[in-house]
All heavy atoms as atom14 arrays in JSON, in Angstrom:
{
  "sequence": "RHGTPETPADLARHNGVTFHIAGKAYATWRFGREGEWVEV",
  "atom14_mask": [
    [1, 1, 1, 1, 1, 1, 1, 1, 1, 1, 1, 0, 0, 0],
    [1, 1, 1, 1, 1, 1, 1, 1, 1, 1, 0, 0, 0, 0],
    [1, 1, 1, 1, 0, 0, 0, 0, 0, 0, 0, 0, 0, 0],
    [1, 1, 1, 1, 1, 1, 1, 0, 0, 0, 0, 0, 0, 0],
    [1, 1, 1, 1, 1, 1, 1, 0, 0, 0, 0, 0, 0, 0],
    [1, 1, 1, 1, 1, 1, 1, 1, 1, 0, 0, 0, 0, 0],
    [1, 1, 1, 1, 1, 1, 1, 0, 0, 0, 0, 0, 0, 0],
    [1, 1, 1, 1, 1, 1, 1, 0, 0, 0, 0, 0, 0, 0],
    [1, 1, 1, 1, 1, 0, 0, 0, 0, 0, 0, 0, 0, 0],
    [1, 1, 1, 1, 1, 1, 1, 1, 0, 0, 0, 0, 0, 0],
    [1, 1, 1, 1, 1, 1, 1, 1, 0, 0, 0, 0, 0, 0],
    [1, 1, 1, 1, 1, 0, 0, 0, 0, 0, 0, 0, 0, 0],
    [1, 1, 1, 1, 1, 1, 1, 1, 1, 1, 1, 0, 0, 0],
    [1, 1, 1, 1, 1, 1, 1, 1, 1, 1, 0, 0, 0, 0],
    [1, 1, 1, 1, 1, 1, 1, 1, 0, 0, 0, 0, 0, 0],
    [1, 1, 1, 1, 0, 0, 0, 0, 0, 0, 0, 0, 0, 0],
    [1, 1, 1, 1, 1, 1, 1, 0, 0, 0, 0, 0, 0, 0],
    [1, 1, 1, 1, 1, 1, 1, 0, 0, 0, 0, 0, 0, 0],
    [1, 1, 1, 1, 1, 1, 1, 1, 1, 1, 1, 0, 0, 0],
    [1, 1, 1, 1, 1, 1, 1, 1, 1, 1, 0, 0, 0, 0],
    [1, 1, 1, 1, 1, 1, 1, 1, 0, 0, 0, 0, 0, 0],
    [1, 1, 1, 1, 1, 0, 0, 0, 0, 0, 0, 0, 0, 0],
    [1, 1, 1, 1, 0, 0, 0, 0, 0, 0, 0, 0, 0, 0],
    [1, 1, 1, 1, 1, 1, 1, 1, 1, 0, 0, 0, 0, 0],
    [1, 1, 1, 1, 1, 0, 0, 0, 0, 0, 0, 0, 0, 0],
    [1, 1, 1, 1, 1, 1, 1, 1, 1, 1, 1, 1, 0, 0],
    [1, 1, 1, 1, 1, 0, 0, 0, 0, 0, 0, 0, 0, 0],
    [1, 1, 1, 1, 1, 1, 1, 0, 0, 0, 0, 0, 0, 0],
    [1, 1, 1, 1, 1, 1, 1, 1, 1, 1, 1, 1, 1, 1],
    [1, 1, 1, 1, 1, 1, 1, 1, 1, 1, 1, 0, 0, 0],
    [1, 1, 1, 1, 1, 1, 1, 1, 1, 1, 1, 0, 0, 0],
    [1, 1, 1, 1, 0, 0, 0, 0, 0, 0, 0, 0, 0, 0],
    [1, 1, 1, 1, 1, 1, 1, 1, 1, 1, 1, 0, 0, 0],
    [1, 1, 1, 1, 1, 1, 1, 1, 1, 0, 0, 0, 0, 0],
    [1, 1, 1, 1, 0, 0, 0, 0, 0, 0, 0, 0, 0, 0],
    [1, 1, 1, 1, 1, 1, 1, 1, 1, 0, 0, 0, 0, 0],
    [1, 1, 1, 1, 1, 1, 1, 1, 1, 1, 1, 1, 1, 1],
    [1, 1, 1, 1, 1, 1, 1, 0, 0, 0, 0, 0, 0, 0],
    [1, 1, 1, 1, 1, 1, 1, 1, 1, 0, 0, 0, 0, 0],
    [1, 1, 1, 1, 1, 1, 1, 0, 0, 0, 0, 0, 0, 0]
  ],
  "atom14_positions": [
    [[-226.47, 184.32, -99.14], [-226.64, 183.47, -97.97], [-225.51, 183.91, -96.95], [-225.8, 183.77, -95.74], [-226.49, 182.05, -98.3], [-227.63, 181.5, -99.22], [-227.59, 180.04, -99.27], [-226.27, 179.43, -99.7], [-225.86, 179.29, -100.98], [-226.71, 179.61, -101.89], [-224.66, 178.83, -101.27], [0.0, 0.0, 0.0], [0.0, 0.0, 0.0], [0.0, 0.0, 0.0]],
    [[-224.38, 184.21, -97.42], [-223.22, 184.39, -96.48], [-222.71, 185.83, -96.31], [-221.81, 185.96, -95.52], [-222.15, 183.45, -96.95], [-222.49, 182.01, -96.98], [-222.59, 181.2, -95.84], [-222.87, 181.22, -98.02], [-222.96, 180.01, -96.2], [-223.18, 179.99, -97.54], [0.0, 0.0, 0.0], [0.0, 0.0, 0.0], [0.0, 0.0, 0.0], [0.0, 0.0, 0.0]],
    [[-223.19, 186.74, -97.11], [-222.71, 188.11, -97.1], [-221.5, 188.28, -97.93], [-220.89, 187.43, -98.43], [0.0, 0.0, 0.0], [0.0, 0.0, 0.0], [0.0, 0.0, 0.0], [0.0, 0.0, 0.0], [0.0, 0.0, 0.0], [0.0, 0.0, 0.0], [0.0, 0.0, 0.0], [0.0, 0.0, 0.0], [0.0, 0.0, 0.0], [0.0, 0.0, 0.0]],
    [[-221.12, 189.58, -98.12], [-219.96, 189.96, -98.96], [-218.77, 190.4, -98.15], [-218.95, 191.29, -97.35], [-220.41, 191.12, -99.9], [-221.48, 190.72, -100.71], [-219.25, 191.56, -100.8], [0.0, 0.0, 0.0], [0.0, 0.0, 0.0], [0.0, 0.0, 0.0], [0.0, 0.0, 0.0], [0.0, 0.0, 0.0], [0.0, 0.0, 0.0], [0.0, 0.0, 0.0]],
    [[-217.66, 189.7, -98.34], [-216.45, 190.14, -97.55], [-216.03, 191.5, -98.02], [-216.04, 191.85, -99.16], [-215.39, 189.1, -97.93], [-215.92, 188.49, -99.26], [-217.42, 188.54, -99.23], [0.0, 0.0, 0.0], [0.0, 0.0, 0.0], [0.0, 0.0, 0.0], [0.0, 0.0, 0.0], [0.0, 0.0, 0.0], [0.0, 0.0, 0.0], [0.0, 0.0, 0.0]],
    [[-215.54, 192.24, -97.01], [-215.13, 193.69, -97.25], [-213.62, 193.84, -97.27], [-213.02, 194.72, -97.78], [-215.71, 194.6, -96.33], [-217.3, 194.69, -96.4], [-217.87, 195.21, -97.66], [-217.12, 195.97, -98.3], [-218.97, 194.87, -97.99], [0.0, 0.0, 0.0], [0.0, 0.0, 0.0], [0.0, 0.0, 0.0], [0.0, 0.0, 0.0], [0.0, 0.0, 0.0]],
    [[-212.96, 192.84, -96.54], [-211.54, 192.87, -96.36], [-210.98, 191.48, -96.61], [-211.73, 190.41, -96.32], [-211.07, 193.43, -95.03], [-211.4, 192.46, -94.06], [-211.75, 194.76, -94.75], [0.0, 0.0, 0.0], [0.0, 0.0, 0.0], [0.0, 0.0, 0.0], [0.0, 0.0, 0.0], [0.0, 0.0, 0.0], [0.0, 0.0, 0.0], [0.0, 0.0, 0.0]],
    [[-209.68, 191.26, -96.9], [-209.16, 189.94, -96.83], [-209.34, 189.15, -95.58], [-209.55, 187.95, -95.66], [-207.7, 190.1, -97.16], [-207.62, 191.44, -98.01], [-208.71, 192.24, -97.32], [0.0, 0.0, 0.0], [0.0, 0.0, 0.0], [0.0, 0.0, 0.0], [0.0, 0.0, 0.0], [0.0, 0.0, 0.0], [0.0, 0.0, 0.0], [0.0, 0.0, 0.0]],
    [[-209.33, 189.84, -94.42], [-209.54, 189.15, -93.15], [-210.98, 188.54, -93.07], [-211.08, 187.57, -92.41], [-209.29, 190.22, -91.96], [0.0, 0.0, 0.0], [0.0, 0.0, 0.0], [0.0, 0.0, 0.0], [0.0, 0.0, 0.0], [0.0, 0.0, 0.0], [0.0, 0.0, 0.0], [0.0, 0.0, 0.0], [0.0, 0.0, 0.0], [0.0, 0.0, 0.0]],
    [[-211.86, 189.1, -93.76], [-213.22, 188.6, -93.63], [-213.34, 187.18, -94.3], [-214.3, 186.53, -94.04], [-214.19, 189.53, -94.39], [-214.44, 190.93, -93.68], [-214.03, 191.01, -92.49], [-214.85, 191.78, -94.43], [0.0, 0.0, 0.0], [0.0, 0.0, 0.0], [0.0, 0.0, 0.0], [0.0, 0.0, 0.0], [0.0, 0.0, 0.0], [0.0, 0.0, 0.0]],
    [[-212.46, 186.89, -95.16], [-212.48, 185.64, -95.89], [-212.35, 184.4, -94.81], [-212.81, 183.33, -95.23], [-211.35, 185.49, -96.92], [-211.5, 186.47, -98.06], [-210.22, 186.35, -98.98], [-212.66, 186.22, -98.85], [0.0, 0.0, 0.0], [0.0, 0.0, 0.0], [0.0, 0.0, 0.0], [0.0, 0.0, 0.0], [0.0, 0.0, 0.0], [0.0, 0.0, 0.0]],
    [[-211.89, 184.61, -93.65], [-211.77, 183.62, -92.7], [-213.2, 183.1, -92.35], [-213.26, 181.97, -91.82], [-210.98, 184.08, -91.48], [0.0, 0.0, 0.0], [0.0, 0.0, 0.0], [0.0, 0.0, 0.0], [0.0, 0.0, 0.0], [0.0, 0.0, 0.0], [0.0, 0.0, 0.0], [0.0, 0.0, 0.0], [0.0, 0.0, 0.0], [0.0, 0.0, 0.0]],
    [[-214.16, 183.86, -92.56], [-215.57, 183.39, -92.23], [-216.29, 182.84, -93.42], [-217.51, 182.72, -93.34], [-216.24, 184.59, -91.63], [-215.71, 185.1, -90.3], [-216.61, 186.17, -89.67], [-216.79, 187.35, -90.46], [-215.85, 188.4, -90.45], [-214.82, 188.29, -89.54], [-216.01, 189.48, -91.09], [0.0, 0.0, 0.0], [0.0, 0.0, 0.0], [0.0, 0.0, 0.0]],
    [[-215.56, 182.7, -94.47], [-216.2, 182.1, -95.8], [-215.69, 180.79, -96.15], [-214.68, 180.43, -95.54], [-216.05, 183.2, -96.81], [-216.91, 184.4, -96.65], [-218.18, 184.48, -97.21], [-216.71, 185.55, -96.0], [-218.59, 185.67, -96.88], [-217.79, 186.3, -96.13], [0.0, 0.0, 0.0], [0.0, 0.0, 0.0], [0.0, 0.0, 0.0], [0.0, 0.0, 0.0]],
    [[-216.27, 180.21, -97.17], [-215.81, 178.94, -97.66], [-215.17, 179.13, -99.02], [-215.81, 179.8, -99.87], [-216.97, 177.98, -97.86], [-216.5, 176.6, -98.33], [-215.55, 176.01, -97.72], [-217.12, 176.03, -99.36], [0.0, 0.0, 0.0], [0.0, 0.0, 0.0], [0.0, 0.0, 0.0], [0.0, 0.0, 0.0], [0.0, 0.0, 0.0], [0.0, 0.0, 0.0]],
    [[-214.0, 178.65, -99.29], [-213.35, 178.7, -100.56], [-213.47, 177.41, -101.37], [-213.53, 176.31, -100.81], [0.0, 0.0, 0.0], [0.0, 0.0, 0.0], [0.0, 0.0, 0.0], [0.0, 0.0, 0.0], [0.0, 0.0, 0.0], [0.0, 0.0, 0.0], [0.0, 0.0, 0.0], [0.0, 0.0, 0.0], [0.0, 0.0, 0.0], [0.0, 0.0, 0.0]],
    [[-213.46, 177.57, -102.68], [-213.34, 176.38, -103.56], [-212.04, 176.43, -104.23], [-211.73, 177.4, -104.93], [-214.5, 176.28, -104.6], [-215.83, 175.88, -103.88], [-214.71, 177.63, -105.4], [0.0, 0.0, 0.0], [0.0, 0.0, 0.0], [0.0, 0.0, 0.0], [0.0, 0.0, 0.0], [0.0, 0.0, 0.0], [0.0, 0.0, 0.0], [0.0, 0.0, 0.0]],
    [[-211.18, 175.44, -104.07], [-209.81, 175.52, -104.45], [-209.5, 174.51, -105.46], [-210.3, 173.6, -105.76], [-208.93, 175.28, -103.27], [-209.17, 173.98, -102.72], [-209.18, 176.41, -102.08], [0.0, 0.0, 0.0], [0.0, 0.0, 0.0], [0.0, 0.0, 0.0], [0.0, 0.0, 0.0], [0.0, 0.0, 0.0], [0.0, 0.0, 0.0], [0.0, 0.0, 0.0]],
    [[-208.35, 174.6, -106.05], [-207.84, 173.66, -107.03], [-206.37, 173.44, -106.82], [-205.71, 174.15, -106.04], [-208.19, 174.12, -108.46], [-207.6, 175.54, -108.71], [-206.36, 175.79, -109.3], [-208.4, 176.6, -108.46], [-205.87, 177.03, -109.54], [-207.93, 177.96, -108.73], [-206.72, 178.1, -109.25], [0.0, 0.0, 0.0], [0.0, 0.0, 0.0], [0.0, 0.0, 0.0]],
    [[-205.83, 172.42, -107.48], [-204.42, 172.05, -107.25], [-203.51, 172.74, -108.27], [-203.8, 172.89, -109.54], [-204.28, 170.53, -107.4], [-205.01, 169.84, -106.24], [-205.1, 168.49, -106.19], [-205.74, 170.31, -105.18], [-205.8, 168.13, -105.19], [-206.26, 169.24, -104.53], [0.0, 0.0, 0.0], [0.0, 0.0, 0.0], [0.0, 0.0, 0.0], [0.0, 0.0, 0.0]],
    [[-202.38, 173.16, -107.87], [-201.29, 173.55, -108.78], [-200.05, 172.75, -108.44], [-199.6, 172.7, -107.3], [-200.97, 175.07, -108.54], [-202.26, 175.89, -109.03], [-199.77, 175.48, -109.4], [-201.98, 177.42, -108.68], [0.0, 0.0, 0.0], [0.0, 0.0, 0.0], [0.0, 0.0, 0.0], [0.0, 0.0, 0.0], [0.0, 0.0, 0.0], [0.0, 0.0, 0.0]],
    [[-199.54, 172.01, -109.45], [-198.38, 171.16, -109.27], [-198.61, 170.19, -108.21], [-197.68, 169.85, -107.34], [-197.12, 172.04, -108.99], [0.0, 0.0, 0.0], [0.0, 0.0, 0.0], [0.0, 0.0, 0.0], [0.0, 0.0, 0.0], [0.0, 0.0, 0.0], [0.0, 0.0, 0.0], [0.0, 0.0, 0.0], [0.0, 0.0, 0.0], [0.0, 0.0, 0.0]],
    [[-199.84, 169.68, -108.12], [-200.15, 168.63, -107.28], [-200.49, 169.03, -105.72], [-200.79, 168.24, -104.92], [0.0, 0.0, 0.0], [0.0, 0.0, 0.0], [0.0, 0.0, 0.0], [0.0, 0.0, 0.0], [0.0, 0.0, 0.0], [0.0, 0.0, 0.0], [0.0, 0.0, 0.0], [0.0, 0.0, 0.0], [0.0, 0.0, 0.0], [0.0, 0.0, 0.0]],
    [[-200.44, 170.32, -105.5], [-200.76, 170.97, -104.21], [-201.94, 171.86, -104.26], [-202.2, 172.58, -105.16], [-199.51, 171.61, -103.65], [-198.33, 170.76, -103.44], [-197.15, 171.54, -102.91], [-195.85, 170.75, -102.78], [-194.74, 171.53, -102.23], [0.0, 0.0, 0.0], [0.0, 0.0, 0.0], [0.0, 0.0, 0.0], [0.0, 0.0, 0.0], [0.0, 0.0, 0.0]],
    [[-202.74, 171.68, -103.17], [-203.92, 172.63, -103.02], [-203.45, 174.07, -103.01], [-202.65, 174.37, -102.2], [-204.74, 172.24, -101.85], [0.0, 0.0, 0.0], [0.0, 0.0, 0.0], [0.0, 0.0, 0.0], [0.0, 0.0, 0.0], [0.0, 0.0, 0.0], [0.0, 0.0, 0.0], [0.0, 0.0, 0.0], [0.0, 0.0, 0.0], [0.0, 0.0, 0.0]],
    [[-204.16, 174.87, -103.87], [-203.72, 176.3, -103.96], [-204.78, 177.01, -102.9], [-205.92, 177.4, -103.39], [-203.93, 176.88, -105.31], [-203.52, 178.28, -105.41], [-202.44, 178.83, -105.08], [-204.6, 179.23, -105.81], [-202.11, 180.22, -105.14], [-204.33, 180.58, -105.83], [-203.18, 181.05, -105.51], [-202.87, 182.44, -105.63], [0.0, 0.0, 0.0], [0.0, 0.0, 0.0]],
    [[-204.43, 177.04, -101.71], [-205.36, 177.59, -100.69], [-204.89, 178.76, -99.9], [-205.45, 179.18, -98.97], [-205.78, 176.46, -99.74], [0.0, 0.0, 0.0], [0.0, 0.0, 0.0], [0.0, 0.0, 0.0], [0.0, 0.0, 0.0], [0.0, 0.0, 0.0], [0.0, 0.0, 0.0], [0.0, 0.0, 0.0], [0.0, 0.0, 0.0], [0.0, 0.0, 0.0]],
    [[-203.7, 179.16, -100.21], [-203.19, 180.43, -99.66], [-203.15, 181.62, -100.7], [-202.47, 181.48, -101.69], [-201.7, 180.26, -99.21], [-201.61, 179.24, -98.17], [-201.12, 181.58, -98.54], [0.0, 0.0, 0.0], [0.0, 0.0, 0.0], [0.0, 0.0, 0.0], [0.0, 0.0, 0.0], [0.0, 0.0, 0.0], [0.0, 0.0, 0.0], [0.0, 0.0, 0.0]],
    [[-204.04, 182.49, -100.49], [-204.4, 183.47, -101.47], [-203.76, 184.82, -101.09], [-203.86, 185.28, -99.86], [-205.9, 183.68, -101.67], [-206.62, 182.37, -102.2], [-205.89, 181.26, -102.62], [-207.95, 182.2, -102.23], [-206.9, 180.35, -102.96], [-208.1, 180.83, -102.8], [-209.12, 182.83, -101.88], [-209.36, 180.29, -102.9], [-210.37, 182.29, -102.02], [-210.5, 181.03, -102.65]],
    [[-203.15, 185.52, -102.04], [-202.45, 186.75, -101.84], [-203.13, 187.98, -102.49], [-203.66, 187.85, -103.61], [-200.96, 186.68, -102.31], [-200.14, 185.66, -101.65], [-198.72, 185.59, -102.28], [-197.94, 186.8, -101.85], [-197.52, 187.71, -102.58], [-197.73, 187.64, -103.92], [-196.81, 188.72, -102.17], [0.0, 0.0, 0.0], [0.0, 0.0, 0.0], [0.0, 0.0, 0.0]],
    [[-203.18, 189.13, -101.7], [-203.82, 190.28, -102.24], [-202.95, 191.5, -101.98], [-202.41, 191.56, -100.88], [-205.24, 190.46, -101.57], [-206.14, 189.34, -101.69], [-206.19, 188.4, -100.62], [-206.92, 189.1, -102.8], [-207.05, 187.23, -100.76], [-207.72, 188.02, -102.96], [-207.83, 187.12, -101.91], [0.0, 0.0, 0.0], [0.0, 0.0, 0.0], [0.0, 0.0, 0.0]],
    [[-202.93, 192.44, -102.86], [-202.07, 193.63, -102.72], [-202.8, 194.91, -102.77], [-203.85, 195.07, -103.44], [0.0, 0.0, 0.0], [0.0, 0.0, 0.0], [0.0, 0.0, 0.0], [0.0, 0.0, 0.0], [0.0, 0.0, 0.0], [0.0, 0.0, 0.0], [0.0, 0.0, 0.0], [0.0, 0.0, 0.0], [0.0, 0.0, 0.0], [0.0, 0.0, 0.0]],
    [[-202.31, 195.9, -102.03], [-202.92, 197.22, -102.02], [-201.84, 198.24, -101.64], [-201.19, 198.06, -100.62], [-204.15, 197.34, -101.13], [-204.92, 198.71, -101.26], [-206.19, 198.73, -100.56], [-206.02, 198.56, -99.09], [-207.01, 198.76, -98.2], [-208.26, 198.87, -98.63], [-206.75, 198.63, -96.97], [0.0, 0.0, 0.0], [0.0, 0.0, 0.0], [0.0, 0.0, 0.0]],
    [[-201.67, 199.25, -102.51], [-200.63, 200.31, -102.2], [-199.21, 199.74, -101.87], [-198.57, 200.18, -100.97], [-201.11, 201.17, -101.13], [-202.38, 201.9, -101.39], [-202.97, 202.79, -100.33], [-202.25, 202.67, -99.18], [-203.9, 203.44, -100.43], [0.0, 0.0, 0.0], [0.0, 0.0, 0.0], [0.0, 0.0, 0.0], [0.0, 0.0, 0.0], [0.0, 0.0, 0.0]],
    [[-198.88, 198.68, -102.61], [-197.61, 198.11, -102.49], [-197.37, 197.08, -101.36], [-196.3, 196.51, -101.23], [0.0, 0.0, 0.0], [0.0, 0.0, 0.0], [0.0, 0.0, 0.0], [0.0, 0.0, 0.0], [0.0, 0.0, 0.0], [0.0, 0.0, 0.0], [0.0, 0.0, 0.0], [0.0, 0.0, 0.0], [0.0, 0.0, 0.0], [0.0, 0.0, 0.0]],
    [[-198.38, 196.88, -100.58], [-198.3, 195.9, -99.59], [-199.23, 194.69, -99.88], [-200.28, 194.8, -100.37], [-198.73, 196.49, -98.25], [-197.83, 197.66, -97.72], [-198.23, 198.17, -96.34], [-199.15, 197.52, -95.7], [-197.6, 199.11, -95.85], [0.0, 0.0, 0.0], [0.0, 0.0, 0.0], [0.0, 0.0, 0.0], [0.0, 0.0, 0.0], [0.0, 0.0, 0.0]],
    [[-198.74, 193.5, -99.45], [-199.34, 192.23, -99.81], [-199.78, 191.46, -98.52], [-198.99, 191.53, -97.56], [-198.52, 191.34, -100.73], [-198.37, 191.87, -102.05], [-197.56, 192.86, -102.53], [-199.19, 191.45, -103.19], [-197.68, 193.12, -103.84], [-198.78, 192.26, -104.3], [-200.26, 190.62, -103.47], [-199.29, 192.24, -105.63], [-200.81, 190.44, -104.62], [-200.35, 191.29, -105.76]],
    [[-200.92, 190.96, -98.49], [-201.35, 190.06, -97.42], [-201.7, 188.66, -97.93], [-202.09, 188.49, -99.11], [-202.59, 190.7, -96.72], [-202.27, 192.05, -96.11], [-203.78, 190.74, -97.63], [0.0, 0.0, 0.0], [0.0, 0.0, 0.0], [0.0, 0.0, 0.0], [0.0, 0.0, 0.0], [0.0, 0.0, 0.0], [0.0, 0.0, 0.0], [0.0, 0.0, 0.0]],
    [[-201.6, 187.65, -97.0], [-201.77, 186.31, -97.38], [-202.97, 185.86, -96.47], [-203.12, 186.1, -95.27], [-200.62, 185.38, -97.15], [-199.52, 185.7, -98.23], [-198.4, 184.65, -98.14], [-198.44, 183.78, -97.26], [-197.54, 184.61, -98.99], [0.0, 0.0, 0.0], [0.0, 0.0, 0.0], [0.0, 0.0, 0.0], [0.0, 0.0, 0.0], [0.0, 0.0, 0.0]],
    [[-203.86, 185.04, -97.16], [-205.03, 184.46, -96.42], [-205.03, 182.96, -96.58], [-205.02, 182.46, -97.8], [-206.29, 185.03, -96.95], [-207.57, 184.39, -96.23], [-206.41, 186.6, -96.73], [0.0, 0.0, 0.0], [0.0, 0.0, 0.0], [0.0, 0.0, 0.0], [0.0, 0.0, 0.0], [0.0, 0.0, 0.0], [0.0, 0.0, 0.0], [0.0, 0.0, 0.0]]
  ]
}
């Protein structure tokens, strides 16, 4: 229905289902490639 994201930036156009860690929503997701990390 929504297509497949190809990069972390593409996730801005998608819907996430999240859960709580230590009482806070875990909605900032980190991904790494070649030693560099990005946050979404």
